[in-house]
Amino acid sequence: MAKAEKCMIIGAAPVEDSAVFDEFDPKEYFIICADGGYDTAVKYNIVPDCIIGDFDSTKYEIPETKNVIKLPAEKDATDTMYAAYVGMKLGYREFLMVGCLGGERFDHTYANYNVMYYISQNSGNAIMADSKSKVFMLKGRKLTLSDMKGYTVSVFPFGNSNCTVTYEGLKYPMNADTLTTGELLSGISNEIIENKASVKVSAGCALVIVMK
């Protein structure tokens, strides 16, 4: 690995302020910019280790260096998925995805959930974050949420029709209960009521969204 044990992927969705970079110091990560994510790197004076994409959404000129990977405009996967693929080929298994939520293209946000699923299916972990939200993909593990009392937590099966979950420290508890897509029992809008809470997924895979 080049300089860190973790990889930060910066996507093309707008990053409106530096809060996420204040919380997650880019200096602690190997930085991959996916296409328009390079504009965010320039904006916040972040030096990427790799830049990848077809560069159809960048306003700054991409430098001509060996760390730039040019992709064709017509391809089967998104620039962000290719960035995750490159990161995993380099040996990274811990990923932070920034600039991957919101923006003008909801389909790209949903595609980024699939990037997280790809990482989880290949023995990795990913967090997607902005200044107000954190998104996790859980498979066979427990997520501990510390000092987030009052935050909203939503849990959805992902990549399969159901998942088995246990909550601790949330307003509406679950104990090895099953969430199923299309059923009345929903994982939407729970609330953290303790200083230390957790979500455990013992079967299936779940998308967990934590919001201020």
N, C-alpha and C. Protein backbone atom coordinates (compact mmCIF):
# COMPACT_ATOMS: atom_id res chain seq x y z
N MET A 1 0.83 -1.20 0.00
CA MET A 1 0.00 0.00 0.00
C MET A 1 0.87 1.25 0.00
N ALA A 2 0.33 2.31 -0.56
CA ALA A 2 1.15 3.48 -0.80
C ALA A 2 1.50 4.25 0.46
N LYS A 3 0.51 4.55 1.31
CA LYS A 3 0.84 5.39 2.45
C LYS A 3 -0.09 5.20 3.64
N ALA A 4 -1.14 4.43 3.50
CA ALA A 4 -2.13 4.31 4.57
C ALA A 4 -2.80 2.95 4.48
N GLU A 5 -3.51 2.62 5.55
CA GLU A 5 -4.24 1.35 5.56
C GLU A 5 -5.67 1.52 5.08
N LYS A 6 -6.08 2.77 4.83
CA LYS A 6 -7.45 3.06 4.43
C LYS A 6 -7.45 3.83 3.13
N CYS A 7 -8.54 3.69 2.38
CA CYS A 7 -8.68 4.36 1.10
C CYS A 7 -9.89 5.28 1.14
N MET A 8 -9.71 6.51 0.70
CA MET A 8 -10.82 7.46 0.56
C MET A 8 -11.12 7.63 -0.92
N ILE A 9 -12.38 7.37 -1.29
CA ILE A 9 -12.83 7.62 -2.65
C ILE A 9 -13.64 8.91 -2.64
N ILE A 10 -13.26 9.87 -3.44
CA ILE A 10 -13.99 11.13 -3.54
C ILE A 10 -14.77 11.12 -4.85
N GLY A 11 -16.11 11.12 -4.74
CA GLY A 11 -16.98 11.11 -5.90
C GLY A 11 -17.36 12.51 -6.35
N ALA A 12 -18.21 12.57 -7.38
CA ALA A 12 -18.52 13.83 -8.04
C ALA A 12 -19.65 14.62 -7.40
N ALA A 13 -20.36 14.05 -6.43
CA ALA A 13 -21.44 14.81 -5.78
C ALA A 13 -20.85 15.98 -5.00
N PRO A 14 -21.52 17.12 -4.97
CA PRO A 14 -20.96 18.31 -4.31
C PRO A 14 -20.70 18.08 -2.83
N VAL A 15 -19.56 18.56 -2.35
CA VAL A 15 -19.24 18.58 -0.93
C VAL A 15 -19.27 20.05 -0.53
N GLU A 16 -20.34 20.45 0.19
CA GLU A 16 -20.63 21.86 0.39
C GLU A 16 -19.73 22.55 1.41
N ASP A 17 -19.18 21.77 2.35
CA ASP A 17 -18.29 22.37 3.34
C ASP A 17 -17.24 21.34 3.73
N SER A 18 -16.29 21.77 4.55
CA SER A 18 -15.15 20.91 4.88
C SER A 18 -15.41 19.99 6.06
N ALA A 19 -16.64 19.97 6.60
CA ALA A 19 -16.91 19.22 7.83
C ALA A 19 -16.50 17.76 7.73
N VAL A 20 -16.80 17.13 6.61
CA VAL A 20 -16.49 15.70 6.48
C VAL A 20 -14.97 15.48 6.46
N PHE A 21 -14.22 16.43 5.90
CA PHE A 21 -12.77 16.31 5.88
C PHE A 21 -12.15 16.70 7.23
N ASP A 22 -12.88 17.49 8.01
CA ASP A 22 -12.44 17.78 9.37
C ASP A 22 -12.58 16.53 10.24
N GLU A 23 -13.64 15.77 10.00
CA GLU A 23 -13.86 14.54 10.76
C GLU A 23 -12.97 13.40 10.28
N PHE A 24 -12.79 13.30 8.98
CA PHE A 24 -11.98 12.24 8.39
C PHE A 24 -10.81 12.90 7.65
N ASP A 25 -9.66 12.94 8.30
CA ASP A 25 -8.50 13.64 7.76
C ASP A 25 -7.98 12.93 6.50
N PRO A 26 -7.99 13.60 5.35
CA PRO A 26 -7.51 12.95 4.13
C PRO A 26 -6.07 12.47 4.21
N LYS A 27 -5.28 13.06 5.07
CA LYS A 27 -3.87 12.66 5.20
C LYS A 27 -3.74 11.23 5.71
N GLU A 28 -4.80 10.69 6.30
CA GLU A 28 -4.76 9.34 6.84
C GLU A 28 -5.20 8.28 5.82
N TYR A 29 -5.47 8.72 4.58
CA TYR A 29 -6.02 7.83 3.57
C TYR A 29 -5.21 7.87 2.28
N PHE A 30 -5.29 6.77 1.54
CA PHE A 30 -4.89 6.76 0.14
C PHE A 30 -6.07 7.34 -0.62
N ILE A 31 -5.87 8.39 -1.39
CA ILE A 31 -6.97 9.14 -2.00
C ILE A 31 -7.14 8.75 -3.47
N ILE A 32 -8.35 8.30 -3.82
CA ILE A 32 -8.71 8.08 -5.21
C ILE A 32 -9.86 9.03 -5.56
N CYS A 33 -9.65 9.87 -6.55
CA CYS A 33 -10.72 10.75 -7.03
C CYS A 33 -11.41 10.07 -8.22
N ALA A 34 -12.73 9.95 -8.12
CA ALA A 34 -13.52 9.39 -9.22
C ALA A 34 -14.10 10.54 -10.03
N ASP A 35 -13.54 10.75 -11.20
CA ASP A 35 -14.02 11.77 -12.14
C ASP A 35 -14.16 13.14 -11.48
N GLY A 36 -15.40 13.68 -11.36
CA GLY A 36 -15.60 15.01 -10.81
C GLY A 36 -15.18 15.16 -9.36
N GLY A 37 -14.85 14.06 -8.71
CA GLY A 37 -14.31 14.16 -7.36
C GLY A 37 -12.99 14.91 -7.34
N TYR A 38 -12.32 14.98 -8.50
CA TYR A 38 -11.08 15.75 -8.57
C TYR A 38 -11.34 17.23 -8.29
N ASP A 39 -12.49 17.75 -8.72
CA ASP A 39 -12.84 19.15 -8.46
C ASP A 39 -12.94 19.40 -6.95
N THR A 40 -13.51 18.44 -6.23
CA THR A 40 -13.61 18.56 -4.77
C THR A 40 -12.22 18.55 -4.15
N ALA A 41 -11.36 17.70 -4.64
CA ALA A 41 -9.99 17.64 -4.12
C ALA A 41 -9.29 18.99 -4.31
N VAL A 42 -9.44 19.58 -5.48
CA VAL A 42 -8.83 20.89 -5.74
C VAL A 42 -9.42 21.94 -4.80
N LYS A 43 -10.74 21.90 -4.63
CA LYS A 43 -11.43 22.88 -3.80
C LYS A 43 -10.91 22.87 -2.37
N TYR A 44 -10.62 21.68 -1.84
CA TYR A 44 -10.21 21.56 -0.44
C TYR A 44 -8.71 21.26 -0.29
N ASN A 45 -7.96 21.53 -1.34
CA ASN A 45 -6.50 21.39 -1.31
C ASN A 45 -6.06 19.98 -0.90
N ILE A 46 -6.74 18.98 -1.46
CA ILE A 46 -6.40 17.58 -1.22
C ILE A 46 -5.62 17.05 -2.42
N VAL A 47 -4.51 16.43 -2.16
CA VAL A 47 -3.68 15.90 -3.25
C VAL A 47 -4.02 14.42 -3.45
N PRO A 48 -4.63 14.06 -4.57
CA PRO A 48 -5.00 12.65 -4.77
C PRO A 48 -3.80 11.79 -5.11
N ASP A 49 -3.89 10.51 -4.75
CA ASP A 49 -2.88 9.53 -5.13
C ASP A 49 -3.21 8.89 -6.46
N CYS A 50 -4.49 8.94 -6.83
CA CYS A 50 -4.95 8.36 -8.09
C CYS A 50 -6.19 9.11 -8.54
N ILE A 51 -6.32 9.33 -9.84
CA ILE A 51 -7.50 9.96 -10.42
C ILE A 51 -8.01 9.04 -11.51
N ILE A 52 -9.30 8.71 -11.46
CA ILE A 52 -9.84 7.74 -12.40
C ILE A 52 -11.19 8.21 -12.93
N GLY A 53 -11.45 7.99 -14.21
CA GLY A 53 -12.75 8.36 -14.77
C GLY A 53 -12.69 8.63 -16.25
N ASP A 54 -13.88 8.93 -16.82
CA ASP A 54 -13.91 9.37 -18.21
C ASP A 54 -13.83 10.89 -18.31
N PHE A 55 -13.89 11.53 -17.14
CA PHE A 55 -13.68 12.98 -17.01
C PHE A 55 -14.68 13.81 -17.81
N ASP A 56 -15.94 13.36 -17.76
CA ASP A 56 -17.01 14.12 -18.40
C ASP A 56 -17.67 15.10 -17.45
N SER A 57 -17.25 15.10 -16.15
CA SER A 57 -17.90 15.99 -15.18
C SER A 57 -16.89 16.82 -14.40
N THR A 58 -15.69 16.96 -14.92
CA THR A 58 -14.68 17.77 -14.24
C THR A 58 -14.58 19.14 -14.89
N LYS A 59 -14.37 20.15 -14.04
CA LYS A 59 -14.18 21.50 -14.59
C LYS A 59 -12.71 21.89 -14.58
N TYR A 60 -11.91 21.24 -13.74
CA TYR A 60 -10.47 21.51 -13.72
C TYR A 60 -9.75 20.55 -14.66
N GLU A 61 -8.68 21.01 -15.23
CA GLU A 61 -7.91 20.17 -16.13
C GLU A 61 -7.21 19.06 -15.34
N ILE A 62 -7.35 17.84 -15.82
CA ILE A 62 -6.74 16.69 -15.16
C ILE A 62 -5.25 16.69 -15.45
N PRO A 63 -4.41 16.56 -14.43
CA PRO A 63 -2.95 16.57 -14.67
C PRO A 63 -2.52 15.34 -15.48
N GLU A 64 -1.47 15.49 -16.24
CA GLU A 64 -0.95 14.37 -17.02
C GLU A 64 0.14 13.68 -16.21
N THR A 65 -0.27 12.73 -15.40
CA THR A 65 0.67 11.97 -14.58
C THR A 65 0.35 10.49 -14.70
N LYS A 66 1.27 9.67 -14.23
CA LYS A 66 1.07 8.22 -14.30
C LYS A 66 -0.02 7.75 -13.35
N ASN A 67 -0.46 8.62 -12.43
CA ASN A 67 -1.50 8.23 -11.47
C ASN A 67 -2.91 8.48 -12.00
N VAL A 68 -3.04 8.87 -13.26
CA VAL A 68 -4.34 9.11 -13.87
C VAL A 68 -4.74 7.90 -14.72
N ILE A 69 -5.95 7.39 -14.48
CA ILE A 69 -6.48 6.26 -15.26
C ILE A 69 -7.67 6.77 -16.05
N LYS A 70 -7.52 6.83 -17.36
CA LYS A 70 -8.59 7.32 -18.24
C LYS A 70 -9.48 6.17 -18.66
N LEU A 71 -10.79 6.32 -18.43
CA LEU A 71 -11.76 5.30 -18.78
C LEU A 71 -12.58 5.75 -19.99
N PRO A 72 -13.10 4.82 -20.76
CA PRO A 72 -13.97 5.20 -21.88
C PRO A 72 -15.31 5.75 -21.37
N ALA A 73 -15.93 6.61 -22.15
CA ALA A 73 -17.23 7.18 -21.75
C ALA A 73 -18.32 6.11 -21.72
N GLU A 74 -18.25 5.16 -22.63
CA GLU A 74 -19.23 4.08 -22.68
C GLU A 74 -18.65 2.85 -21.99
N LYS A 75 -19.23 2.52 -20.83
CA LYS A 75 -18.71 1.40 -20.04
C LYS A 75 -19.84 0.84 -19.19
N ASP A 76 -19.61 -0.31 -18.60
CA ASP A 76 -20.66 -1.01 -17.87
C ASP A 76 -20.79 -0.59 -16.41
N ALA A 77 -19.76 0.01 -15.85
CA ALA A 77 -19.77 0.38 -14.43
C ALA A 77 -19.48 1.88 -14.28
N THR A 78 -19.82 2.42 -13.12
CA THR A 78 -19.57 3.84 -12.87
C THR A 78 -18.09 4.08 -12.56
N ASP A 79 -17.70 5.35 -12.65
CA ASP A 79 -16.33 5.72 -12.29
C ASP A 79 -16.04 5.35 -10.84
N THR A 80 -17.04 5.51 -9.96
CA THR A 80 -16.84 5.21 -8.55
C THR A 80 -16.63 3.71 -8.33
N MET A 81 -17.36 2.89 -9.08
CA MET A 81 -17.15 1.44 -8.98
C MET A 81 -15.75 1.07 -9.43
N TYR A 82 -15.29 1.68 -10.51
CA TYR A 82 -13.92 1.42 -10.95
C TYR A 82 -12.91 1.87 -9.91
N ALA A 83 -13.19 3.00 -9.24
CA ALA A 83 -12.29 3.48 -8.18
C ALA A 83 -12.20 2.46 -7.06
N ALA A 84 -13.35 1.89 -6.66
CA ALA A 84 -13.35 0.86 -5.62
C ALA A 84 -12.59 -0.38 -6.09
N TYR A 85 -12.77 -0.75 -7.34
CA TYR A 85 -12.06 -1.91 -7.90
C TYR A 85 -10.55 -1.69 -7.84
N VAL A 86 -10.11 -0.50 -8.24
CA VAL A 86 -8.68 -0.19 -8.20
C VAL A 86 -8.17 -0.21 -6.76
N GLY A 87 -8.94 0.39 -5.85
CA GLY A 87 -8.53 0.39 -4.44
C GLY A 87 -8.38 -1.00 -3.88
N MET A 88 -9.31 -1.89 -4.23
CA MET A 88 -9.22 -3.26 -3.73
C MET A 88 -8.05 -4.01 -4.38
N LYS A 89 -7.78 -3.75 -5.66
CA LYS A 89 -6.63 -4.38 -6.32
C LYS A 89 -5.32 -3.94 -5.68
N LEU A 90 -5.31 -2.73 -5.12
CA LEU A 90 -4.11 -2.24 -4.43
C LEU A 90 -3.99 -2.81 -3.01
N GLY A 91 -5.02 -3.53 -2.57
CA GLY A 91 -4.95 -4.19 -1.27
C GLY A 91 -5.76 -3.55 -0.17
N TYR A 92 -6.48 -2.48 -0.48
CA TYR A 92 -7.26 -1.80 0.56
C TYR A 92 -8.56 -2.55 0.84
N ARG A 93 -8.95 -2.59 2.11
CA ARG A 93 -10.20 -3.21 2.51
C ARG A 93 -11.07 -2.28 3.37
N GLU A 94 -10.52 -1.16 3.79
CA GLU A 94 -11.28 -0.16 4.55
C GLU A 94 -11.43 1.08 3.67
N PHE A 95 -12.68 1.43 3.37
CA PHE A 95 -12.96 2.53 2.45
C PHE A 95 -13.86 3.58 3.09
N LEU A 96 -13.57 4.83 2.80
CA LEU A 96 -14.45 5.94 3.11
C LEU A 96 -14.84 6.58 1.79
N MET A 97 -16.14 6.73 1.56
CA MET A 97 -16.63 7.31 0.31
C MET A 97 -17.24 8.68 0.60
N VAL A 98 -16.65 9.71 0.01
CA VAL A 98 -17.08 11.10 0.19
C VAL A 98 -17.50 11.64 -1.17
N GLY A 99 -18.46 12.56 -1.18
CA GLY A 99 -18.94 13.07 -2.45
C GLY A 99 -19.70 12.01 -3.23
N CYS A 100 -20.34 11.12 -2.52
CA CYS A 100 -21.06 10.01 -3.13
C CYS A 100 -22.54 10.00 -2.77
N LEU A 101 -22.98 10.98 -1.99
CA LEU A 101 -24.38 11.13 -1.60
C LEU A 101 -24.93 12.43 -2.19
N GLY A 102 -26.18 12.40 -2.63
CA GLY A 102 -26.81 13.62 -3.10
C GLY A 102 -26.38 14.00 -4.50
N GLY A 103 -26.39 15.29 -4.78
CA GLY A 103 -26.11 15.76 -6.13
C GLY A 103 -27.35 15.66 -7.00
N GLU A 104 -27.17 15.91 -8.29
CA GLU A 104 -28.30 15.96 -9.22
C GLU A 104 -28.77 14.58 -9.66
N ARG A 105 -27.96 13.56 -9.46
CA ARG A 105 -28.27 12.24 -9.99
C ARG A 105 -28.54 11.24 -8.88
N PHE A 106 -29.84 11.01 -8.56
CA PHE A 106 -30.18 10.02 -7.54
C PHE A 106 -29.73 8.63 -7.96
N ASP A 107 -29.76 8.36 -9.28
CA ASP A 107 -29.34 7.03 -9.73
C ASP A 107 -27.88 6.77 -9.39
N HIS A 108 -27.06 7.82 -9.38
CA HIS A 108 -25.66 7.63 -9.01
C HIS A 108 -25.52 7.37 -7.51
N THR A 109 -26.36 8.03 -6.70
CA THR A 109 -26.34 7.73 -5.27
C THR A 109 -26.68 6.26 -5.04
N TYR A 110 -27.72 5.77 -5.71
CA TYR A 110 -28.10 4.37 -5.54
C TYR A 110 -27.00 3.45 -6.07
N ALA A 111 -26.39 3.83 -7.18
CA ALA A 111 -25.28 3.04 -7.71
C ALA A 111 -24.13 2.97 -6.71
N ASN A 112 -23.96 4.03 -5.92
CA ASN A 112 -22.89 4.02 -4.92
C ASN A 112 -23.20 3.07 -3.77
N TYR A 113 -24.49 2.84 -3.48
CA TYR A 113 -24.82 1.80 -2.51
C TYR A 113 -24.34 0.44 -3.03
N ASN A 114 -24.46 0.25 -4.33
CA ASN A 114 -23.98 -0.99 -4.92
C ASN A 114 -22.46 -1.09 -4.86
N VAL A 115 -21.77 0.03 -4.92
CA VAL A 115 -20.32 0.03 -4.73
C VAL A 115 -19.99 -0.47 -3.33
N MET A 116 -20.73 0.03 -2.33
CA MET A 116 -20.53 -0.42 -0.95
C MET A 116 -20.79 -1.92 -0.83
N TYR A 117 -21.82 -2.39 -1.52
CA TYR A 117 -22.14 -3.83 -1.48
C TYR A 117 -21.02 -4.65 -2.12
N TYR A 118 -20.49 -4.15 -3.24
CA TYR A 118 -19.36 -4.82 -3.88
C TYR A 118 -18.18 -4.94 -2.92
N ILE A 119 -17.88 -3.87 -2.21
CA ILE A 119 -16.77 -3.89 -1.25
C ILE A 119 -17.04 -4.90 -0.14
N SER A 120 -18.27 -4.90 0.39
CA SER A 120 -18.61 -5.83 1.48
C SER A 120 -18.56 -7.28 1.02
N GLN A 121 -18.91 -7.52 -0.25
CA GLN A 121 -18.90 -8.88 -0.78
C GLN A 121 -17.48 -9.38 -1.04
N ASN A 122 -16.52 -8.48 -1.00
CA ASN A 122 -15.13 -8.84 -1.24
C ASN A 122 -14.26 -8.59 -0.01
N SER A 123 -14.85 -8.90 1.15
CA SER A 123 -14.14 -8.88 2.44
C SER A 123 -13.67 -7.49 2.85
N GLY A 124 -14.39 -6.46 2.41
CA GLY A 124 -14.05 -5.10 2.80
C GLY A 124 -15.17 -4.43 3.56
N ASN A 125 -14.88 -3.25 4.07
CA ASN A 125 -15.87 -2.43 4.76
C ASN A 125 -15.85 -1.03 4.14
N ALA A 126 -17.02 -0.42 4.02
CA ALA A 126 -17.10 0.93 3.47
C ALA A 126 -18.05 1.78 4.29
N ILE A 127 -17.69 3.04 4.45
CA ILE A 127 -18.57 4.05 5.03
C ILE A 127 -18.75 5.13 3.98
N MET A 128 -19.99 5.56 3.77
CA MET A 128 -20.26 6.69 2.91
C MET A 128 -20.69 7.84 3.80
N ALA A 129 -20.09 9.01 3.63
CA ALA A 129 -20.33 10.09 4.58
C ALA A 129 -20.43 11.44 3.90
N ASP A 130 -21.28 12.30 4.49
CA ASP A 130 -21.24 13.73 4.21
C ASP A 130 -21.35 14.44 5.56
N SER A 131 -21.65 15.73 5.57
CA SER A 131 -21.64 16.47 6.83
C SER A 131 -22.80 16.10 7.74
N LYS A 132 -23.86 15.45 7.21
CA LYS A 132 -25.05 15.15 8.01
C LYS A 132 -25.35 13.66 8.12
N SER A 133 -24.79 12.86 7.27
CA SER A 133 -25.18 11.45 7.21
C SER A 133 -23.97 10.54 7.12
N LYS A 134 -24.18 9.32 7.62
CA LYS A 134 -23.21 8.25 7.42
C LYS A 134 -23.98 7.01 7.00
N VAL A 135 -23.47 6.32 6.00
CA VAL A 135 -24.13 5.13 5.48
C VAL A 135 -23.16 3.95 5.60
N PHE A 136 -23.68 2.83 6.11
CA PHE A 136 -22.87 1.63 6.33
C PHE A 136 -23.51 0.45 5.61
N MET A 137 -22.71 -0.50 5.19
CA MET A 137 -23.20 -1.76 4.65
C MET A 137 -22.75 -2.84 5.62
N LEU A 138 -23.72 -3.51 6.27
CA LEU A 138 -23.39 -4.49 7.31
C LEU A 138 -23.74 -5.90 6.84
N LYS A 139 -22.78 -6.79 7.01
CA LYS A 139 -23.00 -8.20 6.70
C LYS A 139 -22.27 -9.03 7.74
N GLY A 140 -23.04 -9.69 8.60
CA GLY A 140 -22.45 -10.56 9.61
C GLY A 140 -21.58 -9.85 10.62
N ARG A 141 -21.91 -8.61 10.95
CA ARG A 141 -21.10 -7.89 11.93
C ARG A 141 -21.95 -6.88 12.70
N LYS A 142 -21.33 -6.30 13.70
CA LYS A 142 -22.00 -5.36 14.59
C LYS A 142 -21.42 -3.96 14.42
N LEU A 143 -22.29 -2.98 14.29
CA LEU A 143 -21.89 -1.58 14.17
C LEU A 143 -22.17 -0.88 15.49
N THR A 144 -21.13 -0.32 16.11
CA THR A 144 -21.30 0.42 17.36
C THR A 144 -21.40 1.91 17.05
N LEU A 145 -22.40 2.56 17.66
CA LEU A 145 -22.66 3.98 17.43
C LEU A 145 -22.50 4.71 18.77
N SER A 146 -21.40 5.43 18.93
CA SER A 146 -21.08 6.10 20.19
C SER A 146 -21.33 7.60 20.09
N ASP A 147 -21.84 8.17 21.18
CA ASP A 147 -22.06 9.62 21.29
C ASP A 147 -22.89 10.16 20.14
N MET A 148 -23.95 9.44 19.79
CA MET A 148 -24.86 9.88 18.73
C MET A 148 -26.30 9.92 19.22
N LYS A 149 -26.49 10.15 20.50
CA LYS A 149 -27.83 10.20 21.06
C LYS A 149 -28.68 11.25 20.34
N GLY A 150 -29.88 10.85 19.93
CA GLY A 150 -30.77 11.75 19.20
C GLY A 150 -30.69 11.59 17.70
N TYR A 151 -29.68 10.88 17.19
CA TYR A 151 -29.57 10.67 15.75
C TYR A 151 -30.64 9.68 15.29
N THR A 152 -30.99 9.76 14.01
CA THR A 152 -31.95 8.84 13.39
C THR A 152 -31.21 7.70 12.70
N VAL A 153 -31.72 6.49 12.88
CA VAL A 153 -31.12 5.30 12.26
C VAL A 153 -32.18 4.57 11.45
N SER A 154 -31.87 4.29 10.19
CA SER A 154 -32.76 3.50 9.34
C SER A 154 -31.99 2.32 8.79
N VAL A 155 -32.64 1.16 8.75
CA VAL A 155 -31.99 -0.09 8.33
C VAL A 155 -32.85 -0.75 7.26
N PHE A 156 -32.22 -1.14 6.15
CA PHE A 156 -32.95 -1.77 5.05
C PHE A 156 -32.17 -3.00 4.56
N PRO A 157 -32.88 -4.08 4.23
CA PRO A 157 -32.19 -5.20 3.58
C PRO A 157 -31.59 -4.72 2.27
N PHE A 158 -30.42 -5.25 1.92
CA PHE A 158 -29.78 -4.85 0.67
C PHE A 158 -29.09 -6.05 0.05
N GLY A 159 -29.31 -6.21 -1.25
CA GLY A 159 -28.69 -7.33 -1.96
C GLY A 159 -29.42 -8.64 -1.76
N ASN A 160 -30.47 -8.62 -0.96
CA ASN A 160 -31.29 -9.79 -0.68
C ASN A 160 -32.61 -9.28 -0.13
N SER A 161 -33.58 -10.15 0.00
CA SER A 161 -34.92 -9.70 0.39
C SER A 161 -35.09 -9.49 1.89
N ASN A 162 -34.19 -10.04 2.71
CA ASN A 162 -34.36 -9.86 4.14
C ASN A 162 -33.01 -9.89 4.86
N CYS A 163 -33.05 -9.44 6.09
CA CYS A 163 -31.87 -9.48 6.96
C CYS A 163 -32.34 -9.62 8.41
N THR A 164 -31.51 -10.22 9.23
CA THR A 164 -31.83 -10.43 10.64
C THR A 164 -31.01 -9.46 11.47
N VAL A 165 -31.71 -8.65 12.29
CA VAL A 165 -31.03 -7.56 12.98
C VAL A 165 -31.34 -7.54 14.48
N THR A 166 -30.40 -7.01 15.23
CA THR A 166 -30.57 -6.78 16.67
C THR A 166 -30.12 -5.35 16.96
N TYR A 167 -30.97 -4.61 17.67
CA TYR A 167 -30.64 -3.24 18.04
C TYR A 167 -30.39 -3.16 19.54
N GLU A 168 -29.45 -2.33 19.93
CA GLU A 168 -29.25 -1.97 21.33
C GLU A 168 -29.15 -0.45 21.41
N GLY A 169 -29.82 0.14 22.40
CA GLY A 169 -29.74 1.58 22.59
C GLY A 169 -30.59 2.38 21.64
N LEU A 170 -31.51 1.72 20.93
CA LEU A 170 -32.43 2.42 20.03
C LEU A 170 -33.83 2.43 20.63
N LYS A 171 -34.62 3.41 20.22
CA LYS A 171 -35.97 3.60 20.79
C LYS A 171 -36.86 2.40 20.53
N TYR A 172 -36.77 1.84 19.33
CA TYR A 172 -37.60 0.69 18.97
C TYR A 172 -36.67 -0.52 18.84
N PRO A 173 -36.63 -1.39 19.86
CA PRO A 173 -35.65 -2.49 19.88
C PRO A 173 -36.04 -3.61 18.93
N MET A 174 -35.04 -4.35 18.52
CA MET A 174 -35.25 -5.59 17.78
C MET A 174 -34.24 -6.60 18.31
N ASN A 175 -34.65 -7.85 18.41
CA ASN A 175 -33.79 -8.89 18.95
C ASN A 175 -33.82 -10.09 17.99
N ALA A 176 -32.83 -10.12 17.10
CA ALA A 176 -32.75 -11.17 16.08
C ALA A 176 -34.06 -11.25 15.30
N ASP A 177 -34.63 -10.08 14.99
CA ASP A 177 -35.84 -10.00 14.20
C ASP A 177 -35.48 -9.82 12.72
N THR A 178 -36.42 -10.16 11.86
CA THR A 178 -36.16 -10.13 10.43
C THR A 178 -36.85 -8.96 9.76
N LEU A 179 -36.08 -8.17 9.02
CA LEU A 179 -36.63 -7.14 8.15
C LEU A 179 -36.71 -7.71 6.75
N THR A 180 -37.88 -7.55 6.12
CA THR A 180 -38.09 -8.10 4.78
C THR A 180 -38.58 -7.00 3.85
N THR A 181 -37.99 -6.91 2.69
CA THR A 181 -38.41 -5.93 1.71
C THR A 181 -39.88 -6.12 1.35
N GLY A 182 -40.66 -5.04 1.41
CA GLY A 182 -42.06 -5.09 1.03
C GLY A 182 -43.01 -5.50 2.12
N GLU A 183 -42.50 -5.66 3.35
CA GLU A 183 -43.36 -6.02 4.48
C GLU A 183 -43.64 -4.80 5.34
N LEU A 184 -44.63 -4.92 6.25
CA LEU A 184 -45.02 -3.80 7.10
C LEU A 184 -43.96 -3.47 8.15
N LEU A 185 -43.26 -4.49 8.67
CA LEU A 185 -42.20 -4.24 9.64
C LEU A 185 -41.06 -3.52 8.93
N SER A 186 -40.85 -2.28 9.34
CA SER A 186 -39.90 -1.44 8.62
C SER A 186 -38.76 -1.00 9.52
N GLY A 187 -37.60 -0.80 8.93
CA GLY A 187 -36.45 -0.33 9.70
C GLY A 187 -36.26 1.18 9.61
N ILE A 188 -37.28 1.90 9.17
CA ILE A 188 -37.15 3.33 8.93
C ILE A 188 -37.23 4.15 10.22
N SER A 189 -36.43 5.18 10.32
CA SER A 189 -36.55 6.26 11.32
C SER A 189 -36.60 5.79 12.76
N ASN A 190 -35.67 4.94 13.16
CA ASN A 190 -35.49 4.65 14.57
C ASN A 190 -34.67 5.78 15.19
N GLU A 191 -34.51 5.77 16.50
CA GLU A 191 -33.80 6.86 17.17
C GLU A 191 -32.83 6.32 18.21
N ILE A 192 -31.63 6.85 18.22
CA ILE A 192 -30.65 6.48 19.23
C ILE A 192 -30.99 7.17 20.55
N ILE A 193 -31.17 6.40 21.61
CA ILE A 193 -31.57 6.97 22.91
C ILE A 193 -30.51 6.76 23.98
N GLU A 194 -29.40 6.10 23.64
CA GLU A 194 -28.32 5.88 24.58
C GLU A 194 -27.02 6.44 23.99
N ASN A 195 -26.07 6.74 24.87
CA ASN A 195 -24.78 7.25 24.39
C ASN A 195 -23.99 6.20 23.62
N LYS A 196 -24.31 4.93 23.88
CA LYS A 196 -23.69 3.86 23.12
C LYS A 196 -24.79 2.94 22.62
N ALA A 197 -24.91 2.84 21.32
CA ALA A 197 -25.94 2.01 20.69
C ALA A 197 -25.27 1.11 19.67
N SER A 198 -26.03 0.15 19.16
CA SER A 198 -25.45 -0.73 18.15
C SER A 198 -26.53 -1.33 17.27
N VAL A 199 -26.10 -1.69 16.06
CA VAL A 199 -26.92 -2.45 15.12
C VAL A 199 -26.10 -3.67 14.72
N LYS A 200 -26.67 -4.84 14.92
CA LYS A 200 -25.99 -6.09 14.56
C LYS A 200 -26.78 -6.80 13.48
N VAL A 201 -26.10 -7.21 12.43
CA VAL A 201 -26.73 -7.98 11.35
C VAL A 201 -26.16 -9.39 11.40
N SER A 202 -26.99 -10.34 11.79
CA SER A 202 -26.52 -11.72 11.95
C SER A 202 -26.81 -12.59 10.74
N ALA A 203 -27.69 -12.14 9.87
CA ALA A 203 -27.97 -12.87 8.64
C ALA A 203 -28.37 -11.88 7.56
N GLY A 204 -27.97 -12.15 6.34
CA GLY A 204 -28.25 -11.23 5.25
C GLY A 204 -27.33 -10.03 5.27
N CYS A 205 -27.70 -9.03 4.52
CA CYS A 205 -26.91 -7.79 4.42
C CYS A 205 -27.86 -6.61 4.57
N ALA A 206 -27.40 -5.55 5.23
CA ALA A 206 -28.26 -4.40 5.49
C ALA A 206 -27.55 -3.10 5.19
N LEU A 207 -28.33 -2.18 4.64
CA LEU A 207 -27.88 -0.81 4.45
C LEU A 207 -28.34 -0.03 5.68
N VAL A 208 -27.41 0.61 6.38
CA VAL A 208 -27.71 1.34 7.61
C VAL A 208 -27.40 2.81 7.38
N ILE A 209 -28.40 3.66 7.58
CA ILE A 209 -28.26 5.10 7.35
C ILE A 209 -28.42 5.81 8.68
N VAL A 210 -27.41 6.58 9.08
CA VAL A 210 -27.42 7.32 10.34
C VAL A 210 -27.40 8.80 9.99
N MET A 211 -28.38 9.54 10.53
CA MET A 211 -28.50 10.96 10.19
C MET A 211 -28.64 11.82 11.45
N LYS A 212 -28.04 13.01 11.40
CA LYS A 212 -28.18 13.97 12.49
C LYS A 212 -29.61 14.47 12.56
